[in-house]
PDB file of N, CA and C in Angstrom:
ATOM      1  N   PRO A   1      51.064 137.399  70.667  1.00  0.00           N
ATOM      2  CA  PRO A   1      50.253 136.517  71.512  1.00  0.00           C
ATOM      3  C   PRO A   1      49.448 135.514  70.683  1.00  0.00           C
ATOM      4  N   THR A   2      49.278 134.350  71.225  1.00  0.00           N
ATOM      5  CA  THR A   2      48.551 133.277  70.543  1.00  0.00           C
ATOM      6  C   THR A   2      47.166 133.729  70.090  1.00  0.00           C
ATOM      7  N   ILE A   3      46.451 134.418  70.936  1.00  0.00           N
ATOM      8  CA  ILE A   3      45.077 134.819  70.614  1.00  0.00           C
ATOM      9  C   ILE A   3      45.025 135.686  69.357  1.00  0.00           C
ATOM     10  N   GLU A   4      46.092 136.400  69.063  1.00  0.00           N
ATOM     11  CA  GLU A   4      46.118 137.282  67.901  1.00  0.00           C
ATOM     12  C   GLU A   4      46.409 136.549  66.596  1.00  0.00           C
ATOM     13  N   ILE A   5      47.064 135.398  66.645  1.00  0.00           N
ATOM     14  CA  ILE A   5      47.444 134.710  65.412  1.00  0.00           C
ATOM     15  C   ILE A   5      46.756 133.364  65.199  1.00  0.00           C
ATOM     16  N   ILE A   6      46.081 132.854  66.199  1.00  0.00           N
ATOM     17  CA  ILE A   6      45.524 131.507  66.094  1.00  0.00           C
ATOM     18  C   ILE A   6      44.491 131.391  64.966  1.00  0.00           C
ATOM     19  N   GLY A   7      43.792 132.457  64.676  1.00  0.00           N
ATOM     20  CA  GLY A   7      42.810 132.435  63.602  1.00  0.00           C
ATOM     21  C   GLY A   7      43.418 132.239  62.225  1.00  0.00           C
ATOM     22  N   GLN A   8      44.718 132.474  62.092  1.00  0.00           N
ATOM     23  CA  GLN A   8      45.391 132.308  60.808  1.00  0.00           C
ATOM     24  C   GLN A   8      45.601 130.836  60.455  1.00  0.00           C
ATOM     25  N   ILE A   9      45.441 129.955  61.417  1.00  0.00           N
ATOM     26  CA  ILE A   9      45.604 128.524  61.166  1.00  0.00           C
ATOM     27  C   ILE A   9      44.433 127.996  60.331  1.00  0.00           C
ATOM     28  N   SER A  10      43.263 128.562  60.541  1.00  0.00           N
ATOM     29  CA  SER A  10      42.071 128.143  59.812  1.00  0.00           C
ATOM     30  C   SER A  10      42.299 128.314  58.316  1.00  0.00           C
ATOM     31  N   PRO A  11      41.847 127.402  57.495  1.00  0.00           N
ATOM     32  CA  PRO A  11      40.911 126.312  57.750  1.00  0.00           C
ATOM     33  C   PRO A  11      41.561 124.992  58.150  1.00  0.00           C
ATOM     34  N   ARG A  12      42.862 124.998  58.400  1.00  0.00           N
ATOM     35  CA  ARG A  12      43.510 123.751  58.819  1.00  0.00           C
ATOM     36  C   ARG A  12      43.038 123.379  60.215  1.00  0.00           C
ATOM     37  N   PRO A  13      42.946 122.080  60.503  1.00  0.00           N
ATOM     38  CA  PRO A  13      42.500 121.646  61.830  1.00  0.00           C
ATOM     39  C   PRO A  13      43.533 121.953  62.897  1.00  0.00           C
ATOM     40  N   ILE A  14      43.056 122.181  64.092  1.00  0.00           N
ATOM     41  CA  ILE A  14      43.935 122.450  65.228  1.00  0.00           C
ATOM     42  C   ILE A  14      43.370 121.739  66.460  1.00  0.00           C
ATOM     43  N   MET A  15      44.264 121.167  67.232  1.00  0.00           N
ATOM     44  CA  MET A  15      43.891 120.517  68.492  1.00  0.00           C
ATOM     45  C   MET A  15      44.583 121.269  69.615  1.00  0.00           C
ATOM     46  N   MET A  16      43.795 121.761  70.554  1.00  0.00           N
ATOM     47  CA  MET A  16      44.340 122.455  71.713  1.00  0.00           C
ATOM     48  C   MET A  16      44.056 121.616  72.948  1.00  0.00           C
ATOM     49  N   VAL A  17      45.112 121.267  73.649  1.00  0.00           N
ATOM     50  CA  VAL A  17      44.994 120.459  74.861  1.00  0.00           C
ATOM     51  C   VAL A  17      45.460 121.310  76.025  1.00  0.00           C
ATOM     52  N   GLY A  18      44.673 121.333  77.077  1.00  0.00           N
ATOM     53  CA  GLY A  18      45.038 122.144  78.228  1.00  0.00           C
ATOM     54  C   GLY A  18      44.752 121.442  79.531  1.00  0.00           C
ATOM     55  N   GLY A  19      45.327 121.995  80.563  1.00  0.00           N
ATOM     56  CA  GLY A  19      45.111 121.473  81.902  1.00  0.00           C
ATOM     57  C   GLY A  19      43.974 122.197  82.597  1.00  0.00           C
ATOM     58  N   GLY A  20      43.261 121.472  83.421  1.00  0.00           N
ATOM     59  CA  GLY A  20      42.146 122.050  84.157  1.00  0.00           C
ATOM     60  C   GLY A  20      42.549 122.665  85.477  1.00  0.00           C
ATOM     61  N   LEU A  21      43.712 122.277  86.004  1.00  0.00           N
ATOM     62  CA  LEU A  21      44.172 122.846  87.271  1.00  0.00           C
ATOM     63  C   LEU A  21      44.799 124.209  87.031  1.00  0.00           C
ATOM     64  N   SER A  22      44.693 125.056  88.011  1.00  0.00           N
ATOM     65  CA  SER A  22      45.198 126.417  87.885  1.00  0.00           C
ATOM     66  C   SER A  22      46.713 126.464  88.057  1.00  0.00           C
ATOM     67  N   ASP A  23      47.369 127.161  87.143  1.00  0.00           N
ATOM     68  CA  ASP A  23      48.796 127.434  87.223  1.00  0.00           C
ATOM     69  C   ASP A  23      48.952 128.740  87.994  1.00  0.00           C
ATOM     70  N   PRO A  24      49.949 128.851  88.879  1.00  0.00           N
ATOM     71  CA  PRO A  24      50.086 130.078  89.669  1.00  0.00           C
ATOM     72  C   PRO A  24      50.283 131.339  88.832  1.00  0.00           C
ATOM     73  N   ILE A  25      50.848 131.204  87.655  1.00  0.00           N
ATOM     74  CA  ILE A  25      51.106 132.376  86.809  1.00  0.00           C
ATOM     75  C   ILE A  25      49.981 132.616  85.808  1.00  0.00           C
ATOM     76  N   PHE A  26      49.537 131.557  85.135  1.00  0.00           N
ATOM     77  CA  PHE A  26      48.596 131.705  84.035  1.00  0.00           C
ATOM     78  C   PHE A  26      47.146 131.409  84.391  1.00  0.00           C
ATOM     79  N   GLY A  27      46.905 130.822  85.525  1.00  0.00           N
ATOM     80  CA  GLY A  27      45.554 130.425  85.874  1.00  0.00           C
ATOM     81  C   GLY A  27      45.217 129.101  85.216  1.00  0.00           C
ATOM     82  N   SER A  28      43.941 128.851  85.002  1.00  0.00           N
ATOM     83  CA  SER A  28      43.488 127.601  84.398  1.00  0.00           C
ATOM     84  C   SER A  28      43.413 127.738  82.884  1.00  0.00           C
ATOM     85  N   GLU A  29      43.985 126.774  82.189  1.00  0.00           N
ATOM     86  CA  GLU A  29      43.885 126.797  80.723  1.00  0.00           C
ATOM     87  C   GLU A  29      42.450 126.582  80.266  1.00  0.00           C
ATOM     88  N   ALA A  30      41.662 125.911  81.074  1.00  0.00           N
ATOM     89  CA  ALA A  30      40.251 125.720  80.722  1.00  0.00           C
ATOM     90  C   ALA A  30      39.560 127.068  80.569  1.00  0.00           C
ATOM     91  N   GLU A  31      39.882 127.998  81.429  1.00  0.00           N
ATOM     92  CA  GLU A  31      39.276 129.328  81.358  1.00  0.00           C
ATOM     93  C   GLU A  31      39.807 130.129  80.176  1.00  0.00           C
ATOM     94  N   MET A  32      41.078 129.926  79.822  1.00  0.00           N
ATOM     95  CA  MET A  32      41.675 130.643  78.692  1.00  0.00           C
ATOM     96  C   MET A  32      41.227 130.060  77.359  1.00  0.00           C
ATOM     97  N   MET A  33      41.262 128.746  77.302  1.00  0.00           N
ATOM     98  CA  MET A  33      41.084 128.068  76.026  1.00  0.00           C
ATOM     99  C   MET A  33      39.627 128.030  75.584  1.00  0.00           C
ATOM    100  N   ILE A  34      38.761 127.819  76.518  1.00  0.00           N
ATOM    101  CA  ILE A  34      37.344 127.697  76.179  1.00  0.00           C
ATOM    102  C   ILE A  34      36.630 128.862  76.837  1.00  0.00           C
ATOM    103  N   PRO A  35      36.025 129.722  76.116  1.00  0.00           N
ATOM    104  CA  PRO A  35      35.843 129.724  74.672  1.00  0.00           C
ATOM    105  C   PRO A  35      36.824 130.599  73.896  1.00  0.00           C
ATOM    106  N   ARG A  36      37.696 131.355  74.556  1.00  0.00           N
ATOM    107  CA  ARG A  36      38.511 132.360  73.853  1.00  0.00           C
ATOM    108  C   ARG A  36      39.328 131.815  72.698  1.00  0.00           C
ATOM    109  N   TYR A  37      40.229 130.877  72.958  1.00  0.00           N
ATOM    110  CA  TYR A  37      41.110 130.385  71.902  1.00  0.00           C
ATOM    111  C   TYR A  37      40.335 129.588  70.864  1.00  0.00           C
ATOM    112  N   ALA A  38      39.419 128.763  71.318  1.00  0.00           N
ATOM    113  CA  ALA A  38      38.637 127.951  70.378  1.00  0.00           C
ATOM    114  C   ALA A  38      37.826 128.843  69.440  1.00  0.00           C
ATOM    115  N   GLU A  39      37.225 129.868  69.984  1.00  0.00           N
ATOM    116  CA  GLU A  39      36.447 130.792  69.157  1.00  0.00           C
ATOM    117  C   GLU A  39      37.343 131.526  68.168  1.00  0.00           C
ATOM    118  N   ALA A  40      38.494 131.980  68.625  1.00  0.00           N
ATOM    119  CA  ALA A  40      39.425 132.696  67.752  1.00  0.00           C
ATOM    120  C   ALA A  40      40.016 131.778  66.684  1.00  0.00           C
ATOM    121  N   ALA A  41      40.173 130.489  67.001  1.00  0.00           N
ATOM    122  CA  ALA A  41      40.778 129.539  66.060  1.00  0.00           C
ATOM    123  C   ALA A  41      39.840 129.166  64.925  1.00  0.00           C
ATOM    124  N   GLY A  42      38.551 129.195  65.168  1.00  0.00           N
ATOM    125  CA  GLY A  42      37.595 128.882  64.116  1.00  0.00           C
ATOM    126  C   GLY A  42      36.970 127.508  64.250  1.00  0.00           C
ATOM    127  N   ALA A  43      36.162 127.179  63.261  1.00  0.00           N
ATOM    128  CA  ALA A  43      35.342 125.962  63.307  1.00  0.00           C
ATOM    129  C   ALA A  43      36.149 124.672  63.283  1.00  0.00           C
ATOM    130  N   ASN A  44      37.376 124.712  62.802  1.00  0.00           N
ATOM    131  CA  ASN A  44      38.178 123.490  62.722  1.00  0.00           C
ATOM    132  C   ASN A  44      38.982 123.220  63.995  1.00  0.00           C
ATOM    133  N   ALA A  45      38.728 123.985  65.037  1.00  0.00           N
ATOM    134  CA  ALA A  45      39.457 123.810  66.290  1.00  0.00           C
ATOM    135  C   ALA A  45      38.759 122.790  67.189  1.00  0.00           C
ATOM    136  N   GLN A  46      39.565 121.965  67.813  1.00  0.00           N
ATOM    137  CA  GLN A  46      39.088 121.037  68.829  1.00  0.00           C
ATOM    138  C   GLN A  46      39.804 121.360  70.121  1.00  0.00           C
ATOM    139  N   THR A  47      39.114 121.212  71.241  1.00  0.00           N
ATOM    140  CA  THR A  47      39.756 121.417  72.527  1.00  0.00           C
ATOM    141  C   THR A  47      39.547 120.190  73.400  1.00  0.00           C
ATOM    142  N   TRP A  48      40.501 119.964  74.260  1.00  0.00           N
ATOM    143  CA  TRP A  48      40.408 118.892  75.240  1.00  0.00           C
ATOM    144  C   TRP A  48      41.067 119.400  76.510  1.00  0.00           C
ATOM    145  N   ILE A  49      40.293 119.495  77.557  1.00  0.00           N
ATOM    146  CA  ILE A  49      40.802 119.887  78.861  1.00  0.00           C
ATOM    147  C   ILE A  49      40.960 118.627  79.700  1.00  0.00           C
ATOM    148  N   ILE A  50      42.142 118.430  80.229  1.00  0.00           N
ATOM    149  CA  ILE A  50      42.415 117.304  81.119  1.00  0.00           C
ATOM    150  C   ILE A  50      42.324 117.869  82.540  1.00  0.00           C
ATOM    151  N   PRO A  51      41.230 117.570  83.239  1.00  0.00           N
ATOM    152  CA  PRO A  51      40.945 118.242  84.510  1.00  0.00           C
ATOM    153  C   PRO A  51      42.060 118.156  85.549  1.00  0.00           C
ATOM    154  N   GLU A  52      42.755 117.040  85.628  1.00  0.00           N
ATOM    155  CA  GLU A  52      43.778 116.863  86.661  1.00  0.00           C
ATOM    156  C   GLU A  52      45.165 117.327  86.228  1.00  0.00           C
ATOM    157  N   ALA A  53      45.264 117.939  85.066  1.00  0.00           N
ATOM    158  CA  ALA A  53      46.554 118.367  84.521  1.00  0.00           C
ATOM    159  C   ALA A  53      46.775 119.865  84.689  1.00  0.00           C
ATOM    160  N   VAL A  54      48.049 120.235  84.687  1.00  0.00           N
ATOM    161  CA  VAL A  54      48.466 121.635  84.634  1.00  0.00           C
ATOM    162  C   VAL A  54      49.333 121.779  83.392  1.00  0.00           C
ATOM    163  N   HIS A  55      48.951 122.674  82.522  1.00  0.00           N
ATOM    164  CA  HIS A  55      49.685 123.004  81.299  1.00  0.00           C
ATOM    165  C   HIS A  55      50.073 121.743  80.518  1.00  0.00           C
ATOM    166  N   CYS A  56      51.337 121.413  80.410  1.00  0.00           N
ATOM    167  CA  CYS A  56      51.795 120.350  79.505  1.00  0.00           C
ATOM    168  C   CYS A  56      51.898 118.964  80.138  1.00  0.00           C
ATOM    169  N   ASP A  57      51.363 118.766  81.328  1.00  0.00           N
ATOM    170  CA  ASP A  57      51.541 117.449  81.941  1.00  0.00           C
ATOM    171  C   ASP A  57      50.362 116.499  81.721  1.00  0.00           C
ATOM    172  N   GLY A  58      49.498 116.801  80.792  1.00  0.00           N
ATOM    173  CA  GLY A  58      48.388 115.910  80.459  1.00  0.00           C
ATOM    174  C   GLY A  58      48.812 114.506  80.085  1.00  0.00           C
ATOM    175  N   PRO A  59      49.857 114.340  79.254  1.00  0.00           N
ATOM    176  CA  PRO A  59      50.291 112.984  78.911  1.00  0.00           C
ATOM    177  C   PRO A  59      50.752 112.171  80.126  1.00  0.00           C
ATOM    178  N   ASN A  60      51.229 112.841  81.154  1.00  0.00           N
ATOM    179  CA  ASN A  60      51.628 112.124  82.367  1.00  0.00           C
ATOM    180  C   ASN A  60      50.426 111.555  83.110  1.00  0.00           C
ATOM    181  N   HIS A  61      49.292 112.230  83.011  1.00  0.00           N
ATOM    182  CA  HIS A  61      48.090 111.800  83.719  1.00  0.00           C
ATOM    183  C   HIS A  61      47.264 110.795  82.927  1.00  0.00           C
ATOM    184  N   ARG A  62      47.253 110.948  81.613  1.00  0.00           N
ATOM    185  CA  ARG A  62      46.432 110.085  80.760  1.00  0.00           C
ATOM    186  C   ARG A  62      47.209 109.671  79.510  1.00  0.00           C
ATOM    187  N   PRO A  63      48.277 108.910  79.672  1.00  0.00           N
ATOM    188  CA  PRO A  63      49.142 108.598  78.519  1.00  0.00           C
ATOM    189  C   PRO A  63      48.441 107.844  77.399  1.00  0.00           C
ATOM    190  N   GLU A  64      47.641 106.847  77.732  1.00  0.00           N
ATOM    191  CA  GLU A  64      46.982 106.057  76.675  1.00  0.00           C
ATOM    192  C   GLU A  64      45.920 106.891  75.956  1.00  0.00           C
ATOM    193  N   GLU A  65      45.099 107.601  76.725  1.00  0.00           N
ATOM    194  CA  GLU A  65      44.057 108.421  76.112  1.00  0.00           C
ATOM    195  C   GLU A  65      44.676 109.550  75.286  1.00  0.00           C
ATOM    196  N   TYR A  66      45.751 110.138  75.792  1.00  0.00           N
ATOM    197  CA  TYR A  66      46.433 111.208  75.064  1.00  0.00           C
ATOM    198  C   TYR A  66      46.930 110.695  73.713  1.00  0.00           C
ATOM    199  N   ALA A  67      47.605 109.557  73.731  1.00  0.00           N
ATOM    200  CA  ALA A  67      48.125 108.980  72.485  1.00  0.00           C
ATOM    201  C   ALA A  67      46.991 108.665  71.521  1.00  0.00           C
ATOM    202  N   GLN A  68      45.923 108.067  72.024  1.00  0.00           N
ATOM    203  CA  GLN A  68      44.785 107.712  71.169  1.00  0.00           C
ATOM    204  C   GLN A  68      44.163 108.951  70.537  1.00  0.00           C
ATOM    205  N   ARG A  69      43.930 109.980  71.329  1.00  0.00           N
ATOM    206  CA  ARG A  69      43.309 111.205  70.799  1.00  0.00           C
ATOM    207  C   ARG A  69      44.203 111.892  69.769  1.00  0.00           C
ATOM    208  N   MET A  70      45.495 111.917  70.025  1.00  0.00           N
ATOM    209  CA  MET A  70      46.407 112.569  69.083  1.00  0.00           C
ATOM    210  C   MET A  70      46.480 111.800  67.763  1.00  0.00           C
ATOM    211  N   VAL A  71      46.565 110.493  67.829  1.00  0.00           N
ATOM    212  CA  VAL A  71      46.595 109.680  66.605  1.00  0.00           C
ATOM    213  C   VAL A  71      45.300 109.874  65.827  1.00  0.00           C
ATOM    214  N   GLU A  72      44.157 109.851  66.513  1.00  0.00           N
ATOM    215  CA  GLU A  72      42.869 110.062  65.837  1.00  0.00           C
ATOM    216  C   GLU A  72      42.809 111.440  65.192  1.00  0.00           C
ATOM    217  N   PHE A  73      43.287 112.462  65.905  1.00  0.00           N
ATOM    218  CA  PHE A  73      43.280 113.812  65.352  1.00  0.00           C
ATOM    219  C   PHE A  73      44.121 113.892  64.077  1.00  0.00           C
ATOM    220  N   PHE A  74      45.356 113.381  64.140  1.00  0.00           N
ATOM    221  CA  PHE A  74      46.230 113.456  62.973  1.00  0.00           C
ATOM    222  C   PHE A  74      45.752 112.551  61.839  1.00  0.00           C
ATOM    223  N   ASP A  75      45.207 111.396  62.159  1.00  0.00           N
ATOM    224  CA  ASP A  75      44.641 110.545  61.107  1.00  0.00           C
ATOM    225  C   ASP A  75      43.541 111.285  60.362  1.00  0.00           C
ATOM    226  N   THR A  76      42.658 111.928  61.107  1.00  0.00           N
ATOM    227  CA  THR A  76      41.559 112.672  60.473  1.00  0.00           C
ATOM    228  C   THR A  76      42.114 113.864  59.690  1.00  0.00           C
ATOM    229  N   ALA A  77      43.039 114.590  60.277  1.00  0.00           N
ATOM    230  CA  ALA A  77      43.595 115.768  59.627  1.00  0.00           C
ATOM    231  C   ALA A  77      44.291 115.444  58.310  1.00  0.00           C
ATOM    232  N   PHE A  78      44.968 114.290  58.273  1.00  0.00           N
ATOM    233  CA  PHE A  78      45.721 113.914  57.085  1.00  0.00           C
ATOM    234  C   PHE A  78      45.014 112.863  56.223  1.00  0.00           C
ATOM    235  N   GLY A  79      43.770 112.534  56.587  1.00  0.00           N
ATOM    236  CA  GLY A  79      43.003 111.581  55.784  1.00  0.00           C
ATOM    237  C   GLY A  79      43.542 110.171  55.821  1.00  0.00           C
ATOM    238  N   ILE A  80      44.107 109.761  56.929  1.00  0.00           N
ATOM    239  CA  ILE A  80      44.682 108.427  57.063  1.00  0.00           C
ATOM    240  C   ILE A  80      43.622 107.458  57.580  1.00  0.00           C
ATOM    241  N   THR A  81      43.496 106.344  56.908  1.00  0.00           N
ATOM    242  CA  THR A  81      42.582 105.283  57.334  1.00  0.00           C
ATOM    243  C   THR A  81      43.417 104.104  57.779  1.00  0.00           C
ATOM    244  N   ARG A  82      43.145 103.620  58.957  1.00  0.00           N
ATOM    245  CA  ARG A  82      43.908 102.468  59.486  1.00  0.00           C
ATOM    246  C   ARG A  82      43.034 101.239  59.500  1.00  0.00           C
TER     247      ARG A  82
END
């Protein structure tokens, strides 16, 4: 399970993106991810909940913001200056 291994990613940065709407099987990722996964991942973890999204459909709801946040995350993680 993710919760058991996510702490091994530290000290590398991690970005967790989840949906705020409840999935019939898993429930809301907002409830799972914050604070459980973020706490288990460590200080280098960032979370972003897209309230109108379910699981992986965040880019469909906010394509420009999603792209911007991901580029910023990877630029920071890899020390890229644009």
